[in-house]
């Protein structure tokens, strides 16, 4: 009796599983759902486009890369709609997309975040979770805007100083500590008769006056102030 009950339970569970899988994959795609999913993906992609353009802080802005974020959202949504509509097609797409390799170099880690965001927005929109796609994108956008713009309020500078000896170097550090908000040593190279020091500093104001004051110190050969993005490779 127990064996028959177990077999019947297993059969019922298998039938339920098969029905759930079949119900999730329908051959007929609702046109209104297609249009709605693509529209949501487009508006989220356009929101990502505007935000990326607003917070971009690199050297060369790439409009083609930014436009590709909109395209990625919509194309990903289209793929997910197709995957949800047909079980056989979904397996074929998994196999086809697994052999695709994208070799476009991503120089800025922030660009990678925007790429994943666009792809995720397309996936969620294509799956029909419109509320999640919209609310999630708004929250991510606010977080990205706050942290990226906050980091650009204070422009970091690199101060490269060449001085004759240790006494001159000490005077430089004393002067720098008085004139800047904060600083730290990024690199120091000592050769015969010369000490080259690279400092990362946050200035209060008057960049030109600051450099002139450093150059006027006894023992300082030259001082160069360089504005940079905050990324430094020693």
Foldseek 3Di string as FASTA:
>chain_A
DVVVVVVVVVVVVVVVVVVVLVVQAAQDADPVLLVQLLVLLQVLLVVLLVLCVVLPDDDDDDNVLSVVLSVLLNVLLVLLLNVRHHVVVVVVVVVVVVPDDDDDDDPDVVSVVSNVLSNVLSNCSSVPVSVCSVVVSVVVSVVVNVVSVVLPPFFKKKKKWKFFDDVLVVVLVVLQVVFFPDKDWDDWDDDHRIIITIMITTGPDDPPVSLVVSCPGPGIPHMDMGTDDPDDDD
